[in-house]
C-alpha atoms as a PDB file:
ATOM      1  CA  MET A   1      88.966 163.931 189.964  1.00  0.00           C
ATOM      2  CA  SER A   2      91.334 166.480 188.644  1.00  0.00           C
ATOM      3  CA  ALA A   3      93.124 165.785 185.521  1.00  0.00           C
ATOM      4  CA  ALA A   4      96.367 164.454 184.948  1.00  0.00           C
ATOM      5  CA  PRO A   5      99.377 167.133 184.427  1.00  0.00           C
ATOM      6  CA  ALA A   6     100.520 167.372 180.964  1.00  0.00           C
ATOM      7  CA  VAL A   7     103.483 164.649 179.941  1.00  0.00           C
ATOM      8  CA  GLN A   8     105.586 164.550 176.893  1.00  0.00           C
ATOM      9  CA  LEU A   9     108.429 161.636 175.996  1.00  0.00           C
ATOM     10  CA  SER A  10     110.205 160.459 173.521  1.00  0.00           C
ATOM     11  CA  VAL A  11     110.283 156.622 173.461  1.00  0.00           C
ATOM     12  CA  GLU A  12     112.962 154.885 171.598  1.00  0.00           C
ATOM     13  CA  ARG A  13     113.980 152.019 173.531  1.00  0.00           C
ATOM     14  CA  PHE A  14     112.165 148.639 172.408  1.00  0.00           C
ATOM     15  CA  PHE A  15     114.293 145.885 174.411  1.00  0.00           C
ATOM     16  CA  ALA A  16     111.550 144.285 176.621  1.00  0.00           C
ATOM     17  CA  TRP A  17     109.018 144.303 173.381  1.00  0.00           C
ATOM     18  CA  ARG A  18     111.265 142.807 171.363  1.00  0.00           C
ATOM     19  CA  CYS A  19     112.485 140.010 174.045  1.00  0.00           C
ATOM     20  CA  GLY A  20     108.750 139.284 174.413  1.00  0.00           C
ATOM     21  CA  LEU A  21     108.216 139.009 170.915  1.00  0.00           C
ATOM     22  CA  VAL A  22     111.222 136.823 170.221  1.00  0.00           C
ATOM     23  CA  CYS A  23     110.244 134.470 173.027  1.00  0.00           C
ATOM     24  CA  LEU A  24     106.662 134.185 171.762  1.00  0.00           C
ATOM     25  CA  LEU A  25     108.184 133.191 168.214  1.00  0.00           C
ATOM     26  CA  ALA A  26     110.569 130.891 169.579  1.00  0.00           C
ATOM     27  CA  LEU A  27     107.720 129.064 171.865  1.00  0.00           C
ATOM     28  CA  SER A  28     105.378 128.950 168.854  1.00  0.00           C
ATOM     29  CA  ALA A  29     108.058 127.615 166.304  1.00  0.00           C
ATOM     30  CA  ALA A  30     108.750 125.007 169.215  1.00  0.00           C
ATOM     31  CA  ALA A  31     105.141 123.884 169.501  1.00  0.00           C
ATOM     32  CA  LEU A  32     104.778 123.788 165.550  1.00  0.00           C
ATOM     33  CA  ALA A  33     107.642 121.779 165.348  1.00  0.00           C
ATOM     34  CA  ALA A  34     106.833 119.553 168.413  1.00  0.00           C
ATOM     35  CA  TRP A  35     103.221 119.191 166.472  1.00  0.00           C
ATOM     36  CA  TRP A  36     104.773 118.063 163.402  1.00  0.00           C
ATOM     37  CA  LEU A  37     107.438 115.806 165.044  1.00  0.00           C
ATOM     38  CA  SER A  38     104.518 113.918 166.928  1.00  0.00           C
ATOM     39  CA  GLY A  39     102.871 112.777 163.855  1.00  0.00           C
ATOM     40  CA  ALA A  40      99.629 114.609 164.720  1.00  0.00           C
ATOM     41  CA  PRO A  41      99.388 116.394 161.161  1.00  0.00           C
ATOM     42  CA  GLN A  42      99.394 112.788 159.537  1.00  0.00           C
ATOM     43  CA  ARG A  43      96.392 111.935 161.261  1.00  0.00           C
ATOM     44  CA  LEU A  44      94.407 114.879 160.455  1.00  0.00           C
ATOM     45  CA  ASP A  45      92.599 115.715 157.250  1.00  0.00           C
ATOM     46  CA  GLY A  46      95.037 116.930 154.715  1.00  0.00           C
ATOM     47  CA  ASN A  47      93.105 120.494 154.325  1.00  0.00           C
ATOM     48  CA  LEU A  48      93.070 120.841 158.182  1.00  0.00           C
ATOM     49  CA  SER A  49      96.643 119.975 158.606  1.00  0.00           C
ATOM     50  CA  GLY A  50      97.749 122.393 155.913  1.00  0.00           C
ATOM     51  CA  GLY A  51      95.438 125.137 157.050  1.00  0.00           C
ATOM     52  CA  LEU A  52      96.471 125.092 160.663  1.00  0.00           C
ATOM     53  CA  THR A  53     100.183 125.120 159.307  1.00  0.00           C
ATOM     54  CA  THR A  54      99.728 127.978 157.123  1.00  0.00           C
ATOM     55  CA  LEU A  55      98.006 129.935 160.168  1.00  0.00           C
ATOM     56  CA  SER A  56     100.922 129.376 162.136  1.00  0.00           C
ATOM     57  CA  VAL A  57     103.432 130.584 159.643  1.00  0.00           C
ATOM     58  CA  CYS A  58     101.165 133.557 158.761  1.00  0.00           C
ATOM     59  CA  ALA A  59     100.764 134.536 162.322  1.00  0.00           C
ATOM     60  CA  TRP A  60     104.387 134.018 163.001  1.00  0.00           C
ATOM     61  CA  ALA A  61     105.462 136.427 160.032  1.00  0.00           C
ATOM     62  CA  ALA A  62     102.967 138.939 161.457  1.00  0.00           C
ATOM     63  CA  ALA A  63     104.581 138.692 164.890  1.00  0.00           C
ATOM     64  CA  VAL A  64     108.223 139.103 162.924  1.00  0.00           C
ATOM     65  CA  THR A  65     106.947 142.401 161.425  1.00  0.00           C
ATOM     66  CA  ARG A  66     106.188 143.816 164.611  1.00  0.00           C
ATOM     67  CA  LEU A  67     109.809 143.358 165.815  1.00  0.00           C
ATOM     68  CA  LYS A  68     110.706 146.693 164.003  1.00  0.00           C
ATOM     69  CA  THR A  69     109.211 149.617 165.924  1.00  0.00           C
ATOM     70  CA  ASN A  70     110.158 153.008 165.042  1.00  0.00           C
ATOM     71  CA  ALA A  71     110.916 155.751 167.740  1.00  0.00           C
ATOM     72  CA  PHE A  72     107.727 157.815 168.406  1.00  0.00           C
ATOM     73  CA  GLN A  73     106.585 160.765 170.765  1.00  0.00           C
ATOM     74  CA  LEU A  74     103.825 160.440 173.009  1.00  0.00           C
ATOM     75  CA  GLN A  75     102.115 163.537 174.593  1.00  0.00           C
ATOM     76  CA  TRP A  76      99.350 164.168 176.838  1.00  0.00           C
ATOM     77  CA  ASP A  77      98.332 167.801 176.912  1.00  0.00           C
ATOM     78  CA  GLY A  78      95.535 167.429 179.928  1.00  0.00           C
ATOM     79  CA  GLN A  79      92.948 166.759 177.045  1.00  0.00           C
ATOM     80  CA  GLN A  80      94.023 164.624 174.415  1.00  0.00           C
ATOM     81  CA  TRP A  81      96.761 162.168 173.578  1.00  0.00           C
ATOM     82  CA  HIS A  82      98.967 162.887 170.715  1.00  0.00           C
ATOM     83  CA  VAL A  83     101.396 160.365 168.893  1.00  0.00           C
ATOM     84  CA  GLY A  84     103.925 161.317 166.213  1.00  0.00           C
ATOM     85  CA  LEU A  85     107.159 160.156 164.923  1.00  0.00           C
ATOM     86  CA  LEU A  86     110.257 161.251 166.899  1.00  0.00           C
ATOM     87  CA  VAL A  87     112.410 162.049 163.595  1.00  0.00           C
ATOM     88  CA  PRO A  88     111.301 164.199 162.132  1.00  0.00           C
ATOM     89  CA  PRO A  89     109.557 166.004 164.646  1.00  0.00           C
ATOM     90  CA  THR A  90     107.379 167.815 161.877  1.00  0.00           C
ATOM     91  CA  ALA A  91     105.875 164.974 160.521  1.00  0.00           C
ATOM     92  CA  ASP A  92     102.114 163.930 160.925  1.00  0.00           C
ATOM     93  CA  ARG A  93     100.857 163.711 164.620  1.00  0.00           C
ATOM     94  CA  TRP A  94      97.830 161.870 165.283  1.00  0.00           C
ATOM     95  CA  ALA A  95      95.487 162.455 168.115  1.00  0.00           C
ATOM     96  CA  GLY A  96      93.422 159.948 170.010  1.00  0.00           C
ATOM     97  CA  GLN A  97      92.751 157.994 173.301  1.00  0.00           C
ATOM     98  CA  VAL A  98      95.199 155.702 175.096  1.00  0.00           C
ATOM     99  CA  GLN A  99      94.008 152.578 176.901  1.00  0.00           C
ATOM    100  CA  VAL A 100      96.297 150.051 178.701  1.00  0.00           C
ATOM    101  CA  SER A 101      96.195 146.659 177.432  1.00  0.00           C
ATOM    102  CA  LEU A 102      99.005 145.181 179.433  1.00  0.00           C
ATOM    103  CA  ASP A 103     100.537 146.664 182.648  1.00  0.00           C
ATOM    104  CA  PHE A 104     103.652 145.035 184.150  1.00  0.00           C
ATOM    105  CA  GLY A 105     104.787 147.653 186.446  1.00  0.00           C
ATOM    106  CA  ASN A 106     107.953 148.492 184.360  1.00  0.00           C
ATOM    107  CA  TRP A 107     106.363 147.934 181.125  1.00  0.00           C
ATOM    108  CA  MET A 108     102.996 148.644 179.439  1.00  0.00           C
ATOM    109  CA  LEU A 109     101.470 148.147 176.267  1.00  0.00           C
ATOM    110  CA  LEU A 110      98.723 150.687 175.171  1.00  0.00           C
ATOM    111  CA  LYS A 111      96.371 150.779 172.611  1.00  0.00           C
ATOM    112  CA  PHE A 112      95.973 154.037 170.955  1.00  0.00           C
ATOM    113  CA  THR A 113      92.606 154.614 169.014  1.00  0.00           C
ATOM    114  CA  PRO A 114      93.135 157.706 166.726  1.00  0.00           C
ATOM    115  CA  GLU A 115      90.286 160.179 166.286  1.00  0.00           C
ATOM    116  CA  ARG A 116      90.311 160.433 162.634  1.00  0.00           C
ATOM    117  CA  LYS A 117      90.047 157.935 160.177  1.00  0.00           C
ATOM    118  CA  GLY A 118      92.815 156.498 158.042  1.00  0.00           C
ATOM    119  CA  ARG A 119      95.716 154.195 158.411  1.00  0.00           C
ATOM    120  CA  CYS A 120      97.486 155.042 161.713  1.00  0.00           C
ATOM    121  CA  PRO A 121     100.928 153.733 161.959  1.00  0.00           C
ATOM    122  CA  TRP A 122     100.323 153.454 165.541  1.00  0.00           C
ATOM    123  CA  ARG A 123      97.726 151.228 167.193  1.00  0.00           C
ATOM    124  CA  TRP A 124      99.830 149.200 169.733  1.00  0.00           C
ATOM    125  CA  LEU A 125     102.411 151.565 171.996  1.00  0.00           C
ATOM    126  CA  PRO A 126     104.998 149.399 174.032  1.00  0.00           C
ATOM    127  CA  LEU A 127     106.529 151.338 176.601  1.00  0.00           C
ATOM    128  CA  GLN A 128     109.259 150.387 179.025  1.00  0.00           C
ATOM    129  CA  ARG A 129     110.783 152.287 182.057  1.00  0.00           C
ATOM    130  CA  GLN A 130     114.253 151.754 181.104  1.00  0.00           C
ATOM    131  CA  GLY A 131     115.217 155.263 179.089  1.00  0.00           C
ATOM    132  CA  LEU A 132     111.999 156.937 180.420  1.00  0.00           C
ATOM    133  CA  GLU A 133     112.877 157.038 184.110  1.00  0.00           C
ATOM    134  CA  PRO A 134     112.320 160.797 184.830  1.00  0.00           C
ATOM    135  CA  THR A 135     108.671 160.674 183.272  1.00  0.00           C
ATOM    136  CA  TRP A 136     107.396 157.119 184.149  1.00  0.00           C
ATOM    137  CA  HIS A 137     105.475 158.367 186.997  1.00  0.00           C
ATOM    138  CA  ALA A 138     103.866 160.998 185.341  1.00  0.00           C
ATOM    139  CA  LEU A 139     102.962 158.731 182.338  1.00  0.00           C
ATOM    140  CA  ARG A 140     101.560 155.963 184.432  1.00  0.00           C
ATOM    141  CA  CYS A 141      99.389 158.810 186.265  1.00  0.00           C
ATOM    142  CA  ALA A 142      98.395 160.499 182.980  1.00  0.00           C
ATOM    143  CA  VAL A 143      97.328 157.063 181.266  1.00  0.00           C
ATOM    144  CA  PHE A 144      95.280 155.966 184.636  1.00  0.00           C
ATOM    145  CA  ALA A 145      93.505 159.138 184.992  1.00  0.00           C
ATOM    146  CA  THR A 146      92.857 159.848 181.389  1.00  0.00           C
ATOM    147  CA  PRO A 147      88.891 160.224 181.363  1.00  0.00           C
ATOM    148  CA  ARG A 148      87.589 157.278 178.886  1.00  0.00           C
ATOM    149  CA  LYS A 149      85.276 158.170 175.987  1.00  0.00           C
ATOM    150  CA  ALA A 150      81.600 156.207 176.523  1.00  0.00           C
ATOM    151  CA  SER A 151      81.228 153.845 173.667  1.00  0.00           C
ATOM    152  CA  ALA A 152      78.058 154.271 171.290  1.00  0.00           C
ATOM    153  CA  GLY A 153      75.062 152.417 172.594  1.00  0.00           C
ATOM    154  CA  VAL A 154      76.477 151.973 176.069  1.00  0.00           C
ATOM    155  CA  SER A 155      74.958 154.087 178.947  1.00  0.00           C
ATOM    156  CA  PRO A 156      76.756 154.659 182.106  1.00  0.00           C
END
């Protein structure tokens, strides 16, 4: 199998990502409200009811923080993936591997695993075809042709 050609793109549009998150947030808020209005919390132990509510609110708050996504640059050089801030372009770049987590054809969610230790600002990379039309096919080829590193302790 031949390696995928090099590809570099600037990701600045996140409309599909934000719409998906807003829909999930609205559904979770509606489910929590329906649960409370049904009277189910009153039939549960007070600690369990409070714990479930707190867990739901924390999950909702975590999703809200994902609404803001900074523009980034994604590059495949034929050997390794690189991710970095789009502005300024001289900012710290992270090398690592990507794996497709969700693929809906015109929208993908990639999981980025950096090679070095530290708090990498990019673990999840939402990509949509809109705005990336000239490089979308090359990106998909590179993502699916990228060899996966074997996990420790797992033999092929």
